[in-house]
Amino acid sequence: MKQIFILCIGALVFAACNKDKFQTKPHIKIESQNYDFVPRNQDLKIVLSFTDKEGDVDDSLYVVRTRLNKRGPYTDIKPQGFKIPSFPDNPSGEMTLTLTYGFGLTAGISTISIPGSTQKEPDTMALKIVVLDKAKNVSDTATANVIVERF
């Protein structure tokens, strides 16, 4: 009886250790970004790493821009969508998201004037990023916080 019990425990431990480290739902993580404070007319580049059990992260990437300024908060009503290049069945890898100053970061978001000045207040923004795989599984959300200089 003891031998059967020990054999069952050993089988359970082996089965637990043999689990896949990747999940069906994609996982993304921000590895780096070129700016925390984005100067005027500069592009923001965010390097993302991803994992996906099936290796089919090649559908779409979505970015929701949220301005956190106390005066003039703003959240995208419609997230910006980007097509992801095809990754030939890779369960993990890296991709770079480039948001141009005029289109990706500031388009559609009106500027806020600094009271008593002609200068514009910088935008404090949270950029929430998700990816979809071919099976339409949605990843967790990666958030990049940046300050964008405005003119």
Protein backbone atom coordinates (compact mmCIF):
# COMPACT_ATOMS: atom_id res chain seq x y z
CA MET A 1 0.00 0.00 0.00
CA LYS A 2 2.86 2.39 0.86
CA GLN A 3 4.46 1.74 -2.52
CA ILE A 4 1.25 2.60 -4.38
CA PHE A 5 0.87 5.81 -2.33
CA ILE A 6 4.49 6.86 -3.03
CA LEU A 7 4.04 6.00 -6.73
CA CYS A 8 0.89 8.18 -6.91
CA ILE A 9 2.65 11.11 -5.22
CA GLY A 10 5.57 10.76 -7.63
CA ALA A 11 3.21 10.75 -10.62
CA LEU A 12 1.47 13.90 -9.34
CA VAL A 13 4.78 15.71 -8.84
CA PHE A 14 5.91 14.69 -12.33
CA ALA A 15 2.62 15.86 -13.88
CA ALA A 16 2.80 19.20 -12.04
CA CYS A 17 6.36 19.83 -13.20
CA ASN A 18 5.49 18.94 -16.78
CA LYS A 19 3.01 21.80 -17.33
CA ASP A 20 3.56 24.14 -20.25
CA LYS A 21 5.07 27.45 -19.26
CA PHE A 22 3.07 29.34 -21.91
CA GLN A 23 -0.69 29.89 -21.89
CA THR A 24 -3.26 30.00 -24.68
CA LYS A 25 -4.01 33.61 -23.75
CA PRO A 26 -1.12 35.78 -25.01
CA HIS A 27 1.03 37.53 -22.42
CA ILE A 28 2.79 40.81 -23.21
CA LYS A 29 5.30 42.81 -21.24
CA ILE A 30 7.00 46.14 -21.87
CA GLU A 31 10.74 45.56 -22.04
CA SER A 32 11.79 49.14 -22.80
CA GLN A 33 10.73 52.47 -24.23
CA ASN A 34 12.90 55.20 -25.68
CA TYR A 35 11.28 58.07 -23.73
CA ASP A 36 9.49 58.68 -20.45
CA PHE A 37 9.20 62.35 -21.50
CA VAL A 38 8.50 62.51 -25.23
CA PRO A 39 9.94 65.72 -26.78
CA ARG A 40 8.04 67.62 -29.47
CA ASN A 41 7.93 65.87 -32.84
CA GLN A 42 9.68 62.72 -31.56
CA ASP A 43 8.33 59.20 -31.94
CA LEU A 44 7.77 56.90 -28.98
CA LYS A 45 9.17 53.39 -29.45
CA ILE A 46 8.04 50.66 -27.08
CA VAL A 47 9.65 47.21 -27.16
CA LEU A 48 7.20 44.49 -26.14
CA SER A 49 7.93 40.86 -25.40
CA PHE A 50 5.22 38.28 -25.89
CA THR A 51 4.49 34.65 -25.10
CA ASP A 52 1.68 32.51 -26.52
CA LYS A 53 1.31 28.75 -26.31
CA GLU A 54 0.15 28.34 -29.91
CA GLY A 55 2.62 30.89 -31.31
CA ASP A 56 -0.09 32.66 -33.28
CA VAL A 57 0.37 36.24 -32.05
CA ASP A 58 0.07 37.87 -35.44
CA ASP A 59 -3.37 39.42 -35.59
CA SER A 60 -3.68 42.89 -34.07
CA LEU A 61 -2.29 45.18 -31.41
CA TYR A 62 -4.49 47.86 -29.80
CA VAL A 63 -3.50 51.00 -27.93
CA VAL A 64 -5.86 53.00 -25.72
CA ARG A 65 -4.57 56.50 -24.95
CA THR A 66 -5.68 58.01 -21.66
CA ARG A 67 -4.65 61.55 -20.72
CA LEU A 68 -4.41 61.77 -16.94
CA ASN A 69 -4.12 65.57 -16.60
CA LYS A 70 -6.48 66.96 -13.95
CA ARG A 71 -7.56 69.68 -16.37
CA GLY A 72 -8.73 68.01 -19.53
CA PRO A 73 -8.63 64.26 -18.90
CA TYR A 74 -9.29 62.21 -22.03
CA THR A 75 -9.67 58.55 -23.01
CA ASP A 76 -9.86 57.23 -26.55
CA ILE A 77 -13.37 56.18 -27.42
CA LYS A 78 -11.97 53.89 -30.10
CA PRO A 79 -8.60 52.22 -29.51
CA GLN A 80 -5.96 52.59 -32.20
CA GLY A 81 -5.44 49.29 -33.99
CA PHE A 82 -2.21 48.12 -35.61
CA LYS A 83 -1.60 45.01 -37.68
CA ILE A 84 1.13 42.77 -36.30
CA PRO A 85 3.65 41.26 -38.73
CA SER A 86 3.45 37.49 -39.07
CA PHE A 87 5.56 35.49 -36.62
CA PRO A 88 5.91 31.96 -38.00
CA ASP A 89 4.64 29.89 -35.06
CA ASN A 90 6.92 31.43 -32.42
CA PRO A 91 5.65 30.91 -28.86
CA SER A 92 7.71 33.92 -27.71
CA GLY A 93 9.46 36.93 -29.15
CA GLU A 94 9.73 40.70 -29.25
CA MET A 95 8.07 43.43 -31.30
CA THR A 96 8.51 47.20 -31.43
CA LEU A 97 5.53 49.54 -31.39
CA THR A 98 6.26 52.99 -32.83
CA LEU A 99 3.79 55.77 -32.05
CA THR A 100 4.49 58.89 -34.08
CA TYR A 101 4.16 62.22 -32.31
CA GLY A 102 1.42 63.61 -34.54
CA PHE A 103 -0.64 60.50 -35.26
CA GLY A 104 -0.04 57.98 -32.52
CA LEU A 105 0.39 60.21 -29.48
CA THR A 106 -1.40 63.53 -29.92
CA ALA A 107 -3.93 63.14 -32.77
CA GLY A 108 -7.45 64.02 -31.70
CA ILE A 109 -6.38 65.19 -28.24
CA SER A 110 -6.72 68.95 -27.86
CA THR A 111 -3.97 70.85 -26.06
CA ILE A 112 -4.40 72.41 -22.63
CA SER A 113 -3.10 75.96 -22.16
CA ILE A 114 -1.18 76.80 -19.00
CA PRO A 115 -3.25 79.49 -17.24
CA GLY A 116 -1.83 82.99 -17.83
CA SER A 117 0.58 81.75 -20.50
CA THR A 118 0.69 80.97 -24.20
CA GLN A 119 2.49 77.69 -23.47
CA LYS A 120 0.74 74.35 -23.56
CA GLU A 121 0.63 71.91 -20.69
CA PRO A 122 2.38 68.56 -21.31
CA ASP A 123 0.10 65.53 -21.50
CA THR A 124 0.56 62.91 -18.82
CA MET A 125 -0.59 59.73 -20.53
CA ALA A 126 -1.19 56.06 -19.85
CA LEU A 127 -0.92 53.96 -23.00
CA LYS A 128 -2.70 50.64 -22.49
CA ILE A 129 -1.61 47.96 -24.95
CA VAL A 130 -3.21 44.59 -25.75
CA VAL A 131 -2.67 42.04 -28.53
CA LEU A 132 -4.97 39.53 -30.20
CA ASP A 133 -3.84 36.22 -31.59
CA LYS A 134 -5.33 34.38 -34.59
CA ALA A 135 -7.87 32.66 -32.34
CA LYS A 136 -8.95 36.13 -31.05
CA ASN A 137 -7.59 35.46 -27.56
CA VAL A 138 -6.93 38.82 -25.87
CA SER A 139 -3.69 39.32 -23.97
CA ASP A 140 -3.28 40.90 -20.61
CA THR A 141 -2.79 44.69 -20.66
CA ALA A 142 0.65 46.31 -20.64
CA THR A 143 0.70 49.98 -19.63
CA ALA A 144 3.33 52.56 -20.59
CA ASN A 145 3.22 55.85 -18.72
CA VAL A 146 4.67 58.84 -20.56
CA ILE A 147 4.64 62.61 -20.53
CA VAL A 148 4.24 64.20 -23.96
CA GLU A 149 5.53 67.74 -24.57
CA ARG A 150 2.91 69.84 -26.38
CA PHE A 151 3.12 73.06 -28.33
